[in-house]
């Protein structure tokens, strides 16, 4: 599911790029301008990017965590394999360290949220 979210984000960027390129074609701009506009539009961050990435990464980390606490063979962990295959081992280590920091601060955040009521 996480990979589908990330792939969907990529498809959304492609669609935006194609739409901009198509618009430039409709208004009669030269091909070089259309291609350039399409590439620029495809690479511009969209407002939903951060939320989609966070949701996908959270699902990946949760899946890896379930494999670890369930004493499953990590070679069979689909989330771990996907992160390593697509992102590489260095990215995996950064994701795990980031998640550990988030999870360590979660009890404090929950306590602060409850007392703030």
N, C-alpha and C. Protein backbone atom coordinates (compact mmCIF):
# COMPACT_ATOMS: atom_id res chain seq x y z
N UNK A 1 0.83 -1.18 0.00
CA UNK A 1 0.00 0.00 0.00
C UNK A 1 0.88 1.25 0.00
N UNK A 2 1.95 1.22 0.76
CA UNK A 2 2.85 2.38 0.81
C UNK A 2 3.45 2.67 -0.56
N UNK A 3 3.89 1.64 -1.26
CA UNK A 3 4.47 1.84 -2.59
C UNK A 3 3.43 2.40 -3.54
N UNK A 4 2.17 1.97 -3.42
CA UNK A 4 1.10 2.51 -4.26
C UNK A 4 0.90 4.00 -4.01
N UNK A 5 0.99 4.41 -2.76
CA UNK A 5 0.86 5.84 -2.44
C UNK A 5 1.99 6.62 -3.09
N UNK A 6 3.22 6.13 -2.94
CA UNK A 6 4.37 6.83 -3.53
C UNK A 6 4.31 6.84 -5.05
N UNK A 7 3.88 5.73 -5.65
CA UNK A 7 3.74 5.69 -7.10
C UNK A 7 2.62 6.63 -7.56
N UNK A 8 1.55 6.70 -6.78
CA UNK A 8 0.45 7.61 -7.10
C UNK A 8 0.90 9.06 -7.05
N UNK A 9 1.76 9.37 -6.12
CA UNK A 9 2.31 10.73 -6.04
C UNK A 9 3.11 11.05 -7.30
N UNK A 10 3.90 10.10 -7.74
CA UNK A 10 4.67 10.28 -8.99
C UNK A 10 3.74 10.46 -10.19
N UNK A 11 2.68 9.67 -10.24
CA UNK A 11 1.72 9.79 -11.34
C UNK A 11 1.03 11.15 -11.33
N UNK A 12 0.75 11.66 -10.14
CA UNK A 12 0.14 12.99 -10.02
C UNK A 12 1.06 14.06 -10.59
N UNK A 13 2.34 13.96 -10.27
CA UNK A 13 3.32 14.91 -10.81
C UNK A 13 3.39 14.81 -12.34
N UNK A 14 3.37 13.59 -12.85
CA UNK A 14 3.40 13.40 -14.30
C UNK A 14 2.17 14.03 -14.95
N UNK A 15 1.00 13.85 -14.33
CA UNK A 15 -0.24 14.41 -14.88
C UNK A 15 -0.20 15.93 -14.90
N UNK A 16 0.33 16.53 -13.84
CA UNK A 16 0.46 17.99 -13.80
C UNK A 16 1.39 18.46 -14.91
N UNK A 17 2.50 17.78 -15.08
CA UNK A 17 3.45 18.13 -16.14
C UNK A 17 2.83 18.03 -17.52
N UNK A 18 2.11 16.92 -17.76
CA UNK A 18 1.45 16.75 -19.06
C UNK A 18 0.40 17.83 -19.30
N UNK A 19 -0.34 18.18 -18.26
CA UNK A 19 -1.37 19.22 -18.40
C UNK A 19 -0.75 20.56 -18.77
N UNK A 20 0.33 20.91 -18.11
CA UNK A 20 1.00 22.17 -18.41
C UNK A 20 1.57 22.14 -19.83
N UNK A 21 2.21 21.03 -20.20
CA UNK A 21 2.73 20.90 -21.56
C UNK A 21 1.61 20.98 -22.59
N UNK A 22 0.48 20.35 -22.29
CA UNK A 22 -0.67 20.41 -23.19
C UNK A 22 -1.22 21.82 -23.33
N UNK A 23 -1.27 22.53 -22.22
CA UNK A 23 -1.74 23.93 -22.26
C UNK A 23 -0.82 24.78 -23.14
N UNK A 24 0.47 24.61 -22.96
CA UNK A 24 1.43 25.37 -23.78
C UNK A 24 1.26 25.02 -25.26
N UNK A 25 0.92 23.76 -25.54
CA UNK A 25 0.65 23.37 -26.92
C UNK A 25 -0.61 24.02 -27.46
N UNK A 26 -1.64 24.09 -26.62
CA UNK A 26 -2.90 24.72 -27.04
C UNK A 26 -2.74 26.19 -27.38
N UNK A 27 -1.87 26.87 -26.67
CA UNK A 27 -1.68 28.30 -26.92
C UNK A 27 -0.60 28.54 -27.98
N UNK A 28 -0.14 27.45 -28.61
CA UNK A 28 0.75 27.58 -29.75
C UNK A 28 2.21 27.86 -29.46
N UNK A 29 2.66 27.49 -28.27
CA UNK A 29 4.08 27.71 -27.93
C UNK A 29 4.94 26.66 -28.64
N UNK A 30 6.18 27.01 -28.94
CA UNK A 30 7.08 26.05 -29.61
C UNK A 30 7.32 24.81 -28.74
N UNK A 31 7.68 23.73 -29.40
CA UNK A 31 7.89 22.44 -28.71
C UNK A 31 8.89 22.56 -27.57
N UNK A 32 9.98 23.28 -27.77
CA UNK A 32 11.00 23.39 -26.72
C UNK A 32 10.41 24.05 -25.47
N UNK A 33 9.55 25.03 -25.64
CA UNK A 33 8.91 25.68 -24.49
C UNK A 33 7.94 24.72 -23.80
N UNK A 34 7.21 23.94 -24.60
CA UNK A 34 6.27 22.98 -24.02
C UNK A 34 7.00 21.95 -23.17
N UNK A 35 8.10 21.41 -23.73
CA UNK A 35 8.86 20.39 -23.00
C UNK A 35 9.46 20.97 -21.73
N UNK A 36 10.00 22.18 -21.83
CA UNK A 36 10.60 22.83 -20.66
C UNK A 36 9.53 23.08 -19.59
N UNK A 37 8.39 23.63 -20.00
CA UNK A 37 7.31 23.91 -19.05
C UNK A 37 6.81 22.62 -18.40
N UNK A 38 6.71 21.57 -19.20
CA UNK A 38 6.26 20.29 -18.67
C UNK A 38 7.22 19.77 -17.61
N UNK A 39 8.51 19.84 -17.86
CA UNK A 39 9.50 19.36 -16.89
C UNK A 39 9.49 20.20 -15.61
N UNK A 40 9.41 21.50 -15.77
CA UNK A 40 9.38 22.37 -14.58
C UNK A 40 8.14 22.07 -13.75
N UNK A 41 6.97 21.99 -14.40
CA UNK A 41 5.73 21.71 -13.68
C UNK A 41 5.77 20.34 -12.99
N UNK A 42 6.37 19.37 -13.64
CA UNK A 42 6.45 18.01 -13.06
C UNK A 42 7.28 18.00 -11.78
N UNK A 43 8.26 18.88 -11.70
CA UNK A 43 9.18 18.86 -10.55
C UNK A 43 8.78 19.78 -9.41
N UNK A 44 7.79 20.63 -9.61
CA UNK A 44 7.36 21.55 -8.56
C UNK A 44 6.64 20.76 -7.47
N UNK A 45 7.02 20.95 -6.21
CA UNK A 45 6.32 20.25 -5.13
C UNK A 45 4.84 20.65 -5.08
N UNK A 46 4.01 19.66 -4.86
CA UNK A 46 2.57 19.90 -4.74
C UNK A 46 2.20 19.95 -3.26
N UNK A 47 1.11 20.63 -2.93
CA UNK A 47 0.72 20.77 -1.52
C UNK A 47 0.51 19.43 -0.80
N UNK A 48 0.13 18.39 -1.52
CA UNK A 48 -0.14 17.09 -0.88
C UNK A 48 1.09 16.21 -0.77
N UNK A 49 2.20 16.61 -1.35
CA UNK A 49 3.40 15.76 -1.37
C UNK A 49 3.84 15.31 0.02
N UNK A 50 3.97 16.25 0.93
CA UNK A 50 4.48 15.91 2.26
C UNK A 50 3.55 14.94 2.99
N UNK A 51 2.25 15.17 2.86
CA UNK A 51 1.30 14.29 3.54
C UNK A 51 1.30 12.89 2.95
N UNK A 52 1.36 12.80 1.64
CA UNK A 52 1.40 11.48 1.00
C UNK A 52 2.67 10.74 1.35
N UNK A 53 3.80 11.44 1.32
CA UNK A 53 5.07 10.81 1.67
C UNK A 53 5.07 10.35 3.13
N UNK A 54 4.57 11.20 4.02
CA UNK A 54 4.53 10.84 5.44
C UNK A 54 3.65 9.62 5.67
N UNK A 55 2.51 9.57 5.00
CA UNK A 55 1.62 8.41 5.15
C UNK A 55 2.29 7.14 4.65
N UNK A 56 2.92 7.23 3.49
CA UNK A 56 3.59 6.05 2.92
C UNK A 56 4.75 5.60 3.80
N UNK A 57 5.56 6.53 4.24
CA UNK A 57 6.71 6.17 5.08
C UNK A 57 6.25 5.60 6.41
N UNK A 58 5.19 6.15 6.95
CA UNK A 58 4.65 5.61 8.20
C UNK A 58 4.18 4.17 8.02
N UNK A 59 3.52 3.88 6.91
CA UNK A 59 3.09 2.52 6.64
C UNK A 59 4.29 1.58 6.48
N UNK A 60 5.33 2.05 5.80
CA UNK A 60 6.51 1.22 5.62
C UNK A 60 7.17 0.91 6.96
N UNK A 61 7.35 1.93 7.78
CA UNK A 61 7.98 1.73 9.09
C UNK A 61 7.11 0.83 9.97
N UNK A 62 5.80 1.04 9.94
CA UNK A 62 4.91 0.19 10.73
C UNK A 62 5.00 -1.26 10.27
N UNK A 63 5.06 -1.48 8.96
CA UNK A 63 5.19 -2.84 8.44
C UNK A 63 6.49 -3.50 8.87
N UNK A 64 7.57 -2.74 8.82
CA UNK A 64 8.87 -3.27 9.26
C UNK A 64 8.82 -3.59 10.76
N UNK A 65 8.23 -2.70 11.52
CA UNK A 65 8.12 -2.89 12.97
C UNK A 65 7.33 -4.16 13.28
N UNK A 66 6.23 -4.38 12.56
CA UNK A 66 5.41 -5.58 12.77
C UNK A 66 6.24 -6.84 12.48
N UNK A 67 7.04 -6.78 11.43
CA UNK A 67 7.90 -7.93 11.12
C UNK A 67 8.92 -8.18 12.24
N UNK A 68 9.50 -7.11 12.76
CA UNK A 68 10.52 -7.24 13.80
C UNK A 68 9.91 -7.79 15.08
N UNK A 69 8.83 -7.19 15.57
CA UNK A 69 8.25 -7.64 16.84
C UNK A 69 7.57 -9.00 16.70
N UNK A 70 7.19 -9.36 15.48
CA UNK A 70 6.60 -10.68 15.25
C UNK A 70 7.63 -11.76 15.01
N UNK A 71 8.92 -11.41 15.18
CA UNK A 71 10.02 -12.35 14.97
C UNK A 71 9.96 -13.01 13.59
N UNK A 72 9.53 -12.26 12.60
CA UNK A 72 9.49 -12.79 11.24
C UNK A 72 10.85 -12.66 10.60
N UNK A 73 11.09 -13.49 9.63
CA UNK A 73 12.32 -13.42 8.86
C UNK A 73 12.29 -12.11 8.06
N UNK A 74 13.23 -11.22 8.32
CA UNK A 74 13.22 -9.91 7.67
C UNK A 74 13.40 -10.01 6.16
N UNK A 75 13.95 -11.10 5.69
CA UNK A 75 14.06 -11.30 4.24
C UNK A 75 12.68 -11.45 3.61
N UNK A 76 11.68 -11.82 4.41
CA UNK A 76 10.31 -11.98 3.93
C UNK A 76 9.44 -10.75 4.19
N UNK A 77 10.01 -9.72 4.78
CA UNK A 77 9.25 -8.51 5.11
C UNK A 77 9.09 -7.65 3.85
N UNK A 78 7.88 -7.57 3.34
CA UNK A 78 7.62 -6.86 2.08
C UNK A 78 7.99 -5.38 2.19
N UNK A 79 7.69 -4.77 3.32
CA UNK A 79 8.00 -3.34 3.48
C UNK A 79 9.51 -3.10 3.48
N UNK A 80 10.23 -3.94 4.19
CA UNK A 80 11.69 -3.80 4.24
C UNK A 80 12.29 -4.01 2.86
N UNK A 81 11.85 -5.05 2.17
CA UNK A 81 12.37 -5.31 0.82
C UNK A 81 12.09 -4.15 -0.12
N UNK A 82 10.90 -3.58 -0.03
CA UNK A 82 10.54 -2.47 -0.91
C UNK A 82 11.40 -1.24 -0.63
N UNK A 83 11.59 -0.90 0.63
CA UNK A 83 12.41 0.27 0.97
C UNK A 83 13.84 0.07 0.48
N UNK A 84 14.41 -1.10 0.73
CA UNK A 84 15.79 -1.35 0.31
C UNK A 84 15.90 -1.37 -1.21
N UNK A 85 14.95 -2.01 -1.88
CA UNK A 85 14.99 -2.11 -3.35
C UNK A 85 14.88 -0.74 -4.00
N UNK A 86 13.98 0.08 -3.53
CA UNK A 86 13.73 1.37 -4.18
C UNK A 86 14.59 2.49 -3.61
N UNK A 87 14.72 2.52 -2.31
CA UNK A 87 15.38 3.65 -1.66
C UNK A 87 16.84 3.38 -1.32
N UNK A 88 17.19 2.14 -1.11
CA UNK A 88 18.55 1.81 -0.73
C UNK A 88 18.70 1.69 0.78
N UNK A 89 19.76 1.05 1.18
CA UNK A 89 19.98 0.78 2.60
C UNK A 89 20.21 2.06 3.40
N UNK A 90 20.89 3.04 2.82
CA UNK A 90 21.14 4.30 3.54
C UNK A 90 19.82 4.99 3.87
N UNK A 91 18.89 5.01 2.93
CA UNK A 91 17.59 5.63 3.16
C UNK A 91 16.84 4.88 4.25
N UNK A 92 16.94 3.56 4.26
CA UNK A 92 16.29 2.76 5.29
C UNK A 92 16.80 3.14 6.66
N UNK A 93 18.11 3.27 6.80
CA UNK A 93 18.67 3.65 8.09
C UNK A 93 18.18 5.01 8.54
N UNK A 94 18.08 5.97 7.61
CA UNK A 94 17.56 7.30 7.97
C UNK A 94 16.10 7.22 8.40
N UNK A 95 15.29 6.40 7.69
CA UNK A 95 13.89 6.24 8.05
C UNK A 95 13.74 5.65 9.46
N UNK A 96 14.55 4.63 9.74
CA UNK A 96 14.46 3.98 11.05
C UNK A 96 14.88 4.94 12.15
N UNK A 97 15.97 5.68 11.95
CA UNK A 97 16.41 6.63 12.97
C UNK A 97 15.38 7.73 13.18
N UNK A 98 14.78 8.20 12.10
CA UNK A 98 13.73 9.22 12.22
C UNK A 98 12.52 8.70 12.96
N UNK A 99 12.11 7.48 12.63
CA UNK A 99 10.95 6.88 13.30
C UNK A 99 11.24 6.65 14.77
N UNK A 100 12.46 6.22 15.10
CA UNK A 100 12.81 6.00 16.50
C UNK A 100 12.69 7.31 17.28
N UNK A 101 13.17 8.39 16.70
CA UNK A 101 13.06 9.69 17.36
C UNK A 101 11.61 10.09 17.55
N UNK A 102 10.79 9.86 16.52
CA UNK A 102 9.36 10.19 16.63
C UNK A 102 8.70 9.34 17.70
N UNK A 103 8.99 8.05 17.72
CA UNK A 103 8.35 7.17 18.68
C UNK A 103 8.82 7.46 20.10
N UNK A 104 10.08 7.86 20.26
CA UNK A 104 10.57 8.16 21.60
C UNK A 104 9.88 9.40 22.17
N UNK A 105 9.54 10.34 21.30
CA UNK A 105 8.90 11.56 21.80
C UNK A 105 7.38 11.41 21.89
N UNK A 106 6.82 10.32 21.39
CA UNK A 106 5.38 10.13 21.38
C UNK A 106 4.77 10.12 22.79
N UNK A 107 5.34 9.40 23.77
CA UNK A 107 4.74 9.43 25.12
C UNK A 107 4.67 10.85 25.69
N UNK A 108 5.71 11.63 25.48
CA UNK A 108 5.70 13.00 25.98
C UNK A 108 4.64 13.83 25.28
N UNK A 109 4.53 13.65 23.97
CA UNK A 109 3.53 14.39 23.20
C UNK A 109 2.12 14.01 23.64
N UNK A 110 1.91 12.73 23.90
CA UNK A 110 0.59 12.27 24.35
C UNK A 110 0.29 12.83 25.74
N UNK A 111 1.28 12.83 26.62
CA UNK A 111 1.09 13.35 27.97
C UNK A 111 0.81 14.85 27.92
N UNK A 112 1.58 15.58 27.10
CA UNK A 112 1.38 17.02 26.97
C UNK A 112 0.02 17.33 26.36
N UNK A 113 -0.41 16.52 25.42
CA UNK A 113 -1.71 16.73 24.78
C UNK A 113 -2.85 16.50 25.75
N UNK A 114 -2.71 15.50 26.64
CA UNK A 114 -3.75 15.19 27.60
C UNK A 114 -3.83 16.27 28.67
N UNK A 115 -2.68 16.74 29.16
CA UNK A 115 -2.70 17.77 30.20
C UNK A 115 -3.10 19.12 29.64
N UNK A 116 -2.96 19.29 28.32
CA UNK A 116 -3.31 20.56 27.70
C UNK A 116 -4.81 20.71 27.50
N UNK A 117 -5.62 19.66 27.82
CA UNK A 117 -7.06 19.72 27.62
C UNK A 117 -7.74 20.65 28.57
